[in-house]
Amino acid sequence: MSTYYILMSAMAIIAVIVYIALFFLKAGYGYLSTSNWGPKISNRAGWVLMEAPSFFFLLYYTLSFARSGADTGNDRTVLFIMAGLYLLHYFQRSFIFPMLMRGNSKMPIVIMLLGMTFNTLNTYFIGGWLYRFAPEGMYTAEWLTSPQFIIGVLVFLAGMLINLDSDHVIRHLRKPGDTRHYIPRKHLYRYVTSANYFGEVTEWVGYAILTWSPAGALFAIWTFANLAPRAKSLTEKYEEEFGDEYKDLNKKHLIPFIW
């Protein structure tokens, strides 16, 4: 078994461990920020440094593959479209989302470094699958009209729109200079505490479907493992701060009407 598949197997096991651990250990950034995670940097800088490796690493991978002229038996246009969807998400996440942030929140450096490490490894898995390990002939031109690709793209784009809309709702809860906390109530926040996380999970489930790959599935699993416990912690934080006002809304943590 190659190093690639050994590392993916190890990451799948770690995802389960992280999922369990995060129900007891709350990552101290954003609304759950605490002083227990050591030195901090600005949220904007933290997000750029944490997310940008995903964009630049896959961009480098893609340009290197394009220049090499390598023939993997898969249609290059299909590969570049799938890589482009990944790059689209991470361009927004690395360079647009941080610039739209309001306030002066801080991110623990250790959280930023953990995020950088995961994003680098994850991009290695995605890029490795697209340009080296995908079975020869899996991604022909006909893949673009396959049920997996069409359904996956629709789910991916729906998740991205939910994520963007939910971030917009959160950003506009407060007027400039206001530091109080408010309950988000618009759009999918009527049903869940963490509509933005639901959007992100939906995105990567869609990506797993459109690539029909173990690398895509691993990313979707990791996204859920990381965000589901945090969504529950956020519900508890809101209930602690707002009491019955929040509890009476009967929101789910992450998945509308389910959990």
C-alpha atoms as a PDB file:
ATOM      1  CA  MET A   1       0.000   0.000   0.000  1.00  0.00           C
ATOM      2  CA  SER A   2       1.428   3.398  -0.984  1.00  0.00           C
ATOM      3  CA  THR A   3       2.202   6.195   1.467  1.00  0.00           C
ATOM      4  CA  TYR A   4      -0.784   8.074   0.053  1.00  0.00           C
ATOM      5  CA  TYR A   5      -3.308   5.444   1.151  1.00  0.00           C
ATOM      6  CA  ILE A   6      -1.572   4.822   4.470  1.00  0.00           C
ATOM      7  CA  LEU A   7      -1.805   8.536   5.290  1.00  0.00           C
ATOM      8  CA  MET A   8      -5.465   8.646   4.252  1.00  0.00           C
ATOM      9  CA  SER A   9      -6.255   5.673   6.480  1.00  0.00           C
ATOM     10  CA  ALA A  10      -4.455   7.331   9.390  1.00  0.00           C
ATOM     11  CA  MET A  11      -6.369  10.576   8.801  1.00  0.00           C
ATOM     12  CA  ALA A  12      -9.676   8.700   8.831  1.00  0.00           C
ATOM     13  CA  ILE A  13      -8.816   7.185  12.224  1.00  0.00           C
ATOM     14  CA  ILE A  14      -7.712  10.592  13.547  1.00  0.00           C
ATOM     15  CA  ALA A  15     -11.027  12.094  12.348  1.00  0.00           C
ATOM     16  CA  VAL A  16     -12.922   9.717  14.636  1.00  0.00           C
ATOM     17  CA  ILE A  17     -10.649  10.611  17.564  1.00  0.00           C
ATOM     18  CA  VAL A  18     -11.054  14.350  16.874  1.00  0.00           C
ATOM     19  CA  TYR A  19     -14.820  13.980  16.621  1.00  0.00           C
ATOM     20  CA  ILE A  20     -15.016  12.399  20.068  1.00  0.00           C
ATOM     21  CA  ALA A  21     -12.437  14.743  21.631  1.00  0.00           C
ATOM     22  CA  LEU A  22     -14.171  17.913  20.466  1.00  0.00           C
ATOM     23  CA  PHE A  23     -17.266  17.072  22.479  1.00  0.00           C
ATOM     24  CA  PHE A  24     -15.089  17.556  25.555  1.00  0.00           C
ATOM     25  CA  LEU A  25     -12.438  20.021  24.352  1.00  0.00           C
ATOM     26  CA  LYS A  26     -13.832  23.202  22.813  1.00  0.00           C
ATOM     27  CA  ALA A  27     -11.636  24.934  20.222  1.00  0.00           C
ATOM     28  CA  GLY A  28     -11.255  28.439  21.619  1.00  0.00           C
ATOM     29  CA  TYR A  29     -11.928  30.787  18.728  1.00  0.00           C
ATOM     30  CA  GLY A  30     -14.869  32.874  17.594  1.00  0.00           C
ATOM     31  CA  TYR A  31     -17.868  32.849  19.938  1.00  0.00           C
ATOM     32  CA  LEU A  32     -16.161  30.098  21.967  1.00  0.00           C
ATOM     33  CA  SER A  33     -12.973  32.105  22.437  1.00  0.00           C
ATOM     34  CA  THR A  34     -11.141  31.607  25.745  1.00  0.00           C
ATOM     35  CA  SER A  35      -7.739  32.481  27.173  1.00  0.00           C
ATOM     36  CA  ASN A  36      -6.763  28.807  27.530  1.00  0.00           C
ATOM     37  CA  TRP A  37      -5.245  28.355  24.082  1.00  0.00           C
ATOM     38  CA  GLY A  38      -2.158  30.540  24.407  1.00  0.00           C
ATOM     39  CA  PRO A  39      -0.986  33.490  22.274  1.00  0.00           C
ATOM     40  CA  LYS A  40      -3.342  34.860  19.643  1.00  0.00           C
ATOM     41  CA  ILE A  41      -3.194  36.788  16.390  1.00  0.00           C
ATOM     42  CA  SER A  42      -5.887  38.772  14.609  1.00  0.00           C
ATOM     43  CA  ASN A  43      -8.754  36.747  13.207  1.00  0.00           C
ATOM     44  CA  ARG A  44      -8.156  38.093   9.702  1.00  0.00           C
ATOM     45  CA  ALA A  45      -4.480  37.123   9.657  1.00  0.00           C
ATOM     46  CA  GLY A  46      -5.282  33.764  11.236  1.00  0.00           C
ATOM     47  CA  TRP A  47      -7.871  32.873   8.619  1.00  0.00           C
ATOM     48  CA  VAL A  48      -5.641  33.884   5.711  1.00  0.00           C
ATOM     49  CA  LEU A  49      -2.657  31.936   7.046  1.00  0.00           C
ATOM     50  CA  MET A  50      -4.830  28.921   7.878  1.00  0.00           C
ATOM     51  CA  GLU A  51      -6.800  28.682   4.638  1.00  0.00           C
ATOM     52  CA  ALA A  52      -4.398  29.991   1.977  1.00  0.00           C
ATOM     53  CA  PRO A  53      -2.217  26.825   1.873  1.00  0.00           C
ATOM     54  CA  SER A  54      -5.187  24.951   0.415  1.00  0.00           C
ATOM     55  CA  PHE A  55      -5.503  27.453  -2.419  1.00  0.00           C
ATOM     56  CA  PHE A  56      -1.814  27.813  -3.246  1.00  0.00           C
ATOM     57  CA  PHE A  57      -0.942  24.137  -2.884  1.00  0.00           C
ATOM     58  CA  LEU A  58      -3.675  22.911  -5.253  1.00  0.00           C
ATOM     59  CA  LEU A  59      -2.978  25.794  -7.650  1.00  0.00           C
ATOM     60  CA  TYR A  60       0.688  24.765  -7.731  1.00  0.00           C
ATOM     61  CA  TYR A  61      -0.304  21.108  -8.159  1.00  0.00           C
ATOM     62  CA  THR A  62      -2.618  22.022 -11.056  1.00  0.00           C
ATOM     63  CA  LEU A  63      -0.151  24.292 -12.856  1.00  0.00           C
ATOM     64  CA  SER A  64       2.623  21.713 -12.475  1.00  0.00           C
ATOM     65  CA  PHE A  65       0.389  19.013 -13.938  1.00  0.00           C
ATOM     66  CA  ALA A  66      -0.661  21.301 -16.796  1.00  0.00           C
ATOM     67  CA  ARG A  67       2.974  22.117 -17.666  1.00  0.00           C
ATOM     68  CA  SER A  68       4.150  18.537 -17.405  1.00  0.00           C
ATOM     69  CA  GLY A  69       1.867  17.245 -20.123  1.00  0.00           C
ATOM     70  CA  ALA A  70       1.506  14.002 -18.152  1.00  0.00           C
ATOM     71  CA  ASP A  71      -1.121  11.571 -19.400  1.00  0.00           C
ATOM     72  CA  THR A  72      -2.969   9.787 -16.590  1.00  0.00           C
ATOM     73  CA  GLY A  73      -5.665   8.426 -18.870  1.00  0.00           C
ATOM     74  CA  ASN A  74      -8.145  10.962 -17.497  1.00  0.00           C
ATOM     75  CA  ASP A  75      -9.571  13.985 -19.283  1.00  0.00           C
ATOM     76  CA  ARG A  76      -7.586  17.058 -18.254  1.00  0.00           C
ATOM     77  CA  THR A  77     -10.562  19.376 -18.619  1.00  0.00           C
ATOM     78  CA  VAL A  78     -12.575  17.285 -16.169  1.00  0.00           C
ATOM     79  CA  LEU A  79      -9.691  17.292 -13.692  1.00  0.00           C
ATOM     80  CA  PHE A  80      -9.246  21.051 -13.979  1.00  0.00           C
ATOM     81  CA  ILE A  81     -12.978  21.672 -13.455  1.00  0.00           C
ATOM     82  CA  MET A  82     -12.962  19.608 -10.263  1.00  0.00           C
ATOM     83  CA  ALA A  83      -9.806  21.341  -9.080  1.00  0.00           C
ATOM     84  CA  GLY A  84     -11.396  24.683  -9.992  1.00  0.00           C
ATOM     85  CA  LEU A  85     -14.350  24.104  -7.685  1.00  0.00           C
ATOM     86  CA  TYR A  86     -11.946  23.419  -4.814  1.00  0.00           C
ATOM     87  CA  LEU A  87      -9.941  26.537  -5.683  1.00  0.00           C
ATOM     88  CA  LEU A  88     -13.120  28.621  -5.892  1.00  0.00           C
ATOM     89  CA  HIS A  89     -14.042  27.714  -2.331  1.00  0.00           C
ATOM     90  CA  TYR A  90     -10.594  28.372  -0.949  1.00  0.00           C
ATOM     91  CA  PHE A  91     -10.093  31.639  -2.832  1.00  0.00           C
ATOM     92  CA  GLN A  92     -13.237  32.934  -1.157  1.00  0.00           C
ATOM     93  CA  ARG A  93     -12.258  31.470   2.202  1.00  0.00           C
ATOM     94  CA  SER A  94      -8.656  32.696   2.096  1.00  0.00           C
ATOM     95  CA  PHE A  95      -8.921  36.160   0.600  1.00  0.00           C
ATOM     96  CA  ILE A  96     -12.535  37.387   0.642  1.00  0.00           C
ATOM     97  CA  PHE A  97     -14.061  36.008   3.842  1.00  0.00           C
ATOM     98  CA  PRO A  98     -11.304  37.373   6.136  1.00  0.00           C
ATOM     99  CA  MET A  99     -11.530  40.857   4.608  1.00  0.00           C
ATOM    100  CA  LEU A 100     -15.267  40.972   5.293  1.00  0.00           C
ATOM    101  CA  MET A 101     -14.835  40.205   8.990  1.00  0.00           C
ATOM    102  CA  ARG A 102     -15.955  42.796  11.488  1.00  0.00           C
ATOM    103  CA  GLY A 103     -14.633  43.492  14.955  1.00  0.00           C
ATOM    104  CA  ASN A 104     -11.231  42.755  16.443  1.00  0.00           C
ATOM    105  CA  SER A 105     -11.510  39.110  17.440  1.00  0.00           C
ATOM    106  CA  LYS A 106      -8.382  37.031  17.941  1.00  0.00           C
ATOM    107  CA  MET A 107      -7.463  33.481  16.942  1.00  0.00           C
ATOM    108  CA  PRO A 108      -5.097  31.292  18.976  1.00  0.00           C
ATOM    109  CA  ILE A 109      -1.891  30.650  17.053  1.00  0.00           C
ATOM    110  CA  VAL A 110      -2.113  26.941  17.870  1.00  0.00           C
ATOM    111  CA  ILE A 111      -5.562  26.756  16.203  1.00  0.00           C
ATOM    112  CA  MET A 112      -4.169  28.497  13.141  1.00  0.00           C
ATOM    113  CA  LEU A 113      -1.229  26.089  12.952  1.00  0.00           C
ATOM    114  CA  LEU A 114      -3.461  23.038  13.332  1.00  0.00           C
ATOM    115  CA  GLY A 115      -5.682  24.398  10.563  1.00  0.00           C
ATOM    116  CA  MET A 116      -2.699  24.992   8.292  1.00  0.00           C
ATOM    117  CA  THR A 117      -1.466  21.440   8.868  1.00  0.00           C
ATOM    118  CA  PHE A 118      -4.835  19.876   8.130  1.00  0.00           C
ATOM    119  CA  ASN A 119      -5.444  22.021   5.038  1.00  0.00           C
ATOM    120  CA  THR A 120      -2.023  21.147   3.621  1.00  0.00           C
ATOM    121  CA  LEU A 121      -2.557  17.429   4.151  1.00  0.00           C
ATOM    122  CA  ASN A 122      -6.091  17.549   2.806  1.00  0.00           C
ATOM    123  CA  THR A 123      -4.986  19.354  -0.342  1.00  0.00           C
ATOM    124  CA  TYR A 124      -2.282  16.733  -0.813  1.00  0.00           C
ATOM    125  CA  PHE A 125      -5.009  14.074  -0.747  1.00  0.00           C
ATOM    126  CA  ILE A 126      -7.303  15.945  -3.151  1.00  0.00           C
ATOM    127  CA  GLY A 127      -4.524  16.930  -5.564  1.00  0.00           C
ATOM    128  CA  GLY A 128      -2.920  13.513  -5.325  1.00  0.00           C
ATOM    129  CA  TRP A 129      -6.180  11.835  -6.229  1.00  0.00           C
ATOM    130  CA  LEU A 130      -6.948  14.119  -9.173  1.00  0.00           C
ATOM    131  CA  TYR A 131      -3.481  14.100 -10.721  1.00  0.00           C
ATOM    132  CA  ARG A 132      -1.865  10.823  -9.646  1.00  0.00           C
ATOM    133  CA  PHE A 133      -4.053   8.197  -8.012  1.00  0.00           C
ATOM    134  CA  ALA A 134      -7.442   8.347  -9.737  1.00  0.00           C
ATOM    135  CA  PRO A 135      -7.904   5.148 -11.789  1.00  0.00           C
ATOM    136  CA  GLU A 136      -6.976   5.527 -15.434  1.00  0.00           C
ATOM    137  CA  GLY A 137     -10.040   6.335 -17.517  1.00  0.00           C
ATOM    138  CA  MET A 138     -12.263   7.156 -14.539  1.00  0.00           C
ATOM    139  CA  TYR A 139     -12.676  10.802 -15.510  1.00  0.00           C
ATOM    140  CA  THR A 140     -13.446  10.866 -19.208  1.00  0.00           C
ATOM    141  CA  ALA A 141     -15.344  13.725 -20.822  1.00  0.00           C
ATOM    142  CA  GLU A 142     -18.544  11.770 -20.147  1.00  0.00           C
ATOM    143  CA  TRP A 143     -17.956  12.231 -16.404  1.00  0.00           C
ATOM    144  CA  LEU A 144     -19.343  15.776 -16.743  1.00  0.00           C
ATOM    145  CA  THR A 145     -22.757  14.331 -17.633  1.00  0.00           C
ATOM    146  CA  SER A 146     -22.691  11.513 -15.093  1.00  0.00           C
ATOM    147  CA  PRO A 147     -25.249  11.476 -12.227  1.00  0.00           C
ATOM    148  CA  GLN A 148     -22.429  11.679  -9.676  1.00  0.00           C
ATOM    149  CA  PHE A 149     -20.975  14.841 -11.187  1.00  0.00           C
ATOM    150  CA  ILE A 150     -24.285  16.617 -11.791  1.00  0.00           C
ATOM    151  CA  ILE A 151     -25.735  15.812  -8.370  1.00  0.00           C
ATOM    152  CA  GLY A 152     -22.418  16.532  -6.662  1.00  0.00           C
ATOM    153  CA  VAL A 153     -22.017  19.941  -8.296  1.00  0.00           C
ATOM    154  CA  LEU A 154     -25.588  20.927  -7.386  1.00  0.00           C
ATOM    155  CA  VAL A 155     -25.039  19.871  -3.762  1.00  0.00           C
ATOM    156  CA  PHE A 156     -21.642  21.604  -3.669  1.00  0.00           C
ATOM    157  CA  LEU A 157     -23.019  24.889  -5.019  1.00  0.00           C
ATOM    158  CA  ALA A 158     -26.050  24.727  -2.718  1.00  0.00           C
ATOM    159  CA  GLY A 159     -23.707  24.293   0.239  1.00  0.00           C
ATOM    160  CA  MET A 160     -21.550  27.203  -0.891  1.00  0.00           C
ATOM    161  CA  LEU A 161     -24.591  29.484  -1.205  1.00  0.00           C
ATOM    162  CA  ILE A 162     -25.828  28.436   2.251  1.00  0.00           C
ATOM    163  CA  ASN A 163     -22.379  29.093   3.676  1.00  0.00           C
ATOM    164  CA  LEU A 164     -22.065  32.541   2.063  1.00  0.00           C
ATOM    165  CA  ASP A 165     -25.594  33.545   3.058  1.00  0.00           C
ATOM    166  CA  SER A 166     -25.111  32.369   6.641  1.00  0.00           C
ATOM    167  CA  ASP A 167     -21.823  34.250   6.985  1.00  0.00           C
ATOM    168  CA  HIS A 168     -23.621  37.367   5.724  1.00  0.00           C
ATOM    169  CA  VAL A 169     -26.301  36.965   8.394  1.00  0.00           C
ATOM    170  CA  ILE A 170     -23.696  36.631  11.155  1.00  0.00           C
ATOM    171  CA  ARG A 171     -21.684  39.640   9.941  1.00  0.00           C
ATOM    172  CA  HIS A 172     -24.731  41.882  10.048  1.00  0.00           C
ATOM    173  CA  LEU A 173     -25.979  40.986  13.509  1.00  0.00           C
ATOM    174  CA  ARG A 174     -24.166  43.996  14.987  1.00  0.00           C
ATOM    175  CA  LYS A 175     -23.690  47.572  13.936  1.00  0.00           C
ATOM    176  CA  PRO A 176     -20.112  48.920  13.771  1.00  0.00           C
ATOM    177  CA  GLY A 177     -18.755  49.452  17.263  1.00  0.00           C
ATOM    178  CA  ASP A 178     -21.330  47.223  18.944  1.00  0.00           C
ATOM    179  CA  THR A 179     -19.739  44.366  20.888  1.00  0.00           C
ATOM    180  CA  ARG A 180     -22.848  42.655  22.248  1.00  0.00           C
ATOM    181  CA  HIS A 181     -23.914  39.178  21.196  1.00  0.00           C
ATOM    182  CA  TYR A 182     -27.176  38.574  19.346  1.00  0.00           C
ATOM    183  CA  ILE A 183     -29.106  35.481  18.330  1.00  0.00           C
ATOM    184  CA  PRO A 184     -29.034  34.859  14.561  1.00  0.00           C
ATOM    185  CA  ARG A 185     -32.598  34.199  13.423  1.00  0.00           C
ATOM    186  CA  LYS A 186     -32.726  34.709   9.654  1.00  0.00           C
ATOM    187  CA  HIS A 187     -32.821  32.116   6.885  1.00  0.00           C
ATOM    188  CA  LEU A 188     -31.452  28.705   7.967  1.00  0.00           C
ATOM    189  CA  TYR A 189     -30.643  30.122  11.405  1.00  0.00           C
ATOM    190  CA  ARG A 190     -34.346  29.714  12.094  1.00  0.00           C
ATOM    191  CA  TYR A 191     -33.715  25.978  12.240  1.00  0.00           C
ATOM    192  CA  VAL A 192     -30.101  25.426  13.354  1.00  0.00           C
ATOM    193  CA  THR A 193     -27.496  27.077  15.524  1.00  0.00           C
ATOM    194  CA  SER A 194     -24.737  26.701  12.932  1.00  0.00           C
ATOM    195  CA  ALA A 195     -26.198  27.283   9.480  1.00  0.00           C
ATOM    196  CA  ASN A 196     -22.775  28.280   8.154  1.00  0.00           C
ATOM    197  CA  TYR A 197     -21.338  24.936   9.259  1.00  0.00           C
ATOM    198  CA  PHE A 198     -24.264  23.102   7.672  1.00  0.00           C
ATOM    199  CA  GLY A 199     -23.406  24.862   4.418  1.00  0.00           C
ATOM    200  CA  GLU A 200     -19.775  23.808   4.650  1.00  0.00           C
ATOM    201  CA  VAL A 201     -20.613  20.183   5.412  1.00  0.00           C
ATOM    202  CA  THR A 202     -23.026  20.207   2.464  1.00  0.00           C
ATOM    203  CA  GLU A 203     -20.325  21.613   0.171  1.00  0.00           C
ATOM    204  CA  TRP A 204     -17.846  18.850   0.898  1.00  0.00           C
ATOM    205  CA  VAL A 205     -20.436  16.098   0.744  1.00  0.00           C
ATOM    206  CA  GLY A 206     -21.168  17.463  -2.721  1.00  0.00           C
ATOM    207  CA  TYR A 207     -17.474  17.439  -3.584  1.00  0.00           C
ATOM    208  CA  ALA A 208     -17.157  13.838  -2.423  1.00  0.00           C
ATOM    209  CA  ILE A 209     -20.047  12.932  -4.732  1.00  0.00           C
ATOM    210  CA  LEU A 210     -18.831  14.871  -7.787  1.00  0.00           C
ATOM    211  CA  THR A 211     -15.335  13.382  -7.537  1.00  0.00           C
ATOM    212  CA  TRP A 212     -16.613   9.992  -6.300  1.00  0.00           C
ATOM    213  CA  SER A 213     -13.304   9.610  -4.550  1.00  0.00           C
ATOM    214  CA  PRO A 214     -11.878   8.410  -1.218  1.00  0.00           C
ATOM    215  CA  ALA A 215     -10.086  11.763  -0.882  1.00  0.00           C
ATOM    216  CA  GLY A 216     -13.364  13.646  -1.245  1.00  0.00           C
ATOM    217  CA  ALA A 217     -15.097  11.306   1.193  1.00  0.00           C
ATOM    218  CA  LEU A 218     -12.300  11.767   3.734  1.00  0.00           C
ATOM    219  CA  PHE A 219     -12.650  15.549   3.504  1.00  0.00           C
ATOM    220  CA  ALA A 220     -16.415  15.343   4.035  1.00  0.00           C
ATOM    221  CA  ILE A 221     -15.894  13.073   7.060  1.00  0.00           C
ATOM    222  CA  TRP A 222     -13.281  15.421   8.516  1.00  0.00           C
ATOM    223  CA  THR A 223     -15.513  18.452   7.977  1.00  0.00           C
ATOM    224  CA  PHE A 224     -18.350  16.805   9.885  1.00  0.00           C
ATOM    225  CA  ALA A 225     -16.000  15.505  12.599  1.00  0.00           C
ATOM    226  CA  ASN A 226     -14.634  18.999  13.158  1.00  0.00           C
ATOM    227  CA  LEU A 227     -17.826  21.040  12.885  1.00  0.00           C
ATOM    228  CA  ALA A 228     -20.537  18.841  14.406  1.00  0.00           C
ATOM    229  CA  PRO A 229     -19.132  18.921  17.968  1.00  0.00           C
ATOM    230  CA  ARG A 230     -18.468  22.649  17.619  1.00  0.00           C
ATOM    231  CA  ALA A 231     -22.063  23.232  16.525  1.00  0.00           C
ATOM    232  CA  LYS A 232     -23.272  21.486  19.675  1.00  0.00           C
ATOM    233  CA  SER A 233     -20.889  23.580  21.799  1.00  0.00           C
ATOM    234  CA  LEU A 234     -22.220  26.739  20.182  1.00  0.00           C
ATOM    235  CA  THR A 235     -25.783  25.739  21.039  1.00  0.00           C
ATOM    236  CA  GLU A 236     -24.727  25.253  24.648  1.00  0.00           C
ATOM    237  CA  LYS A 237     -22.971  28.639  24.634  1.00  0.00           C
ATOM    238  CA  TYR A 238     -26.076  30.407  23.306  1.00  0.00           C
ATOM    239  CA  GLU A 239     -28.261  28.649  25.880  1.00  0.00           C
ATOM    240  CA  GLU A 240     -25.848  29.661  28.631  1.00  0.00           C
ATOM    241  CA  GLU A 241     -25.896  33.311  27.551  1.00  0.00           C
ATOM    242  CA  PHE A 242     -29.547  33.712  26.507  1.00  0.00           C
ATOM    243  CA  GLY A 243     -31.260  31.029  28.604  1.00  0.00           C
ATOM    244  CA  ASP A 244     -34.884  30.234  27.797  1.00  0.00           C
ATOM    245  CA  GLU A 245     -34.956  32.833  25.031  1.00  0.00           C
ATOM    246  CA  TYR A 246     -32.679  30.565  23.027  1.00  0.00           C
ATOM    247  CA  LYS A 247     -33.965  27.214  24.283  1.00  0.00           C
ATOM    248  CA  ASP A 248     -37.516  28.140  23.279  1.00  0.00           C
ATOM    249  CA  LEU A 249     -36.414  28.509  19.662  1.00  0.00           C
ATOM    250  CA  ASN A 250     -35.929  24.707  19.569  1.00  0.00           C
ATOM    251  CA  LYS A 251     -33.103  24.901  17.080  1.00  0.00           C
ATOM    252  CA  LYS A 252     -31.106  21.872  16.060  1.00  0.00           C
ATOM    253  CA  HIS A 253     -27.331  22.048  16.301  1.00  0.00           C
ATOM    254  CA  LEU A 254     -26.281  21.504  12.691  1.00  0.00           C
ATOM    255  CA  ILE A 255     -28.715  19.615  10.451  1.00  0.00           C
ATOM    256  CA  PRO A 256     -32.191  21.159  10.071  1.00  0.00           C
ATOM    257  CA  PHE A 257     -34.980  19.083  11.675  1.00  0.00           C
ATOM    258  CA  ILE A 258     -32.575  16.213  12.481  1.00  0.00           C
ATOM    259  CA  TRP A 259     -29.712  17.129  14.851  1.00  0.00           C
END
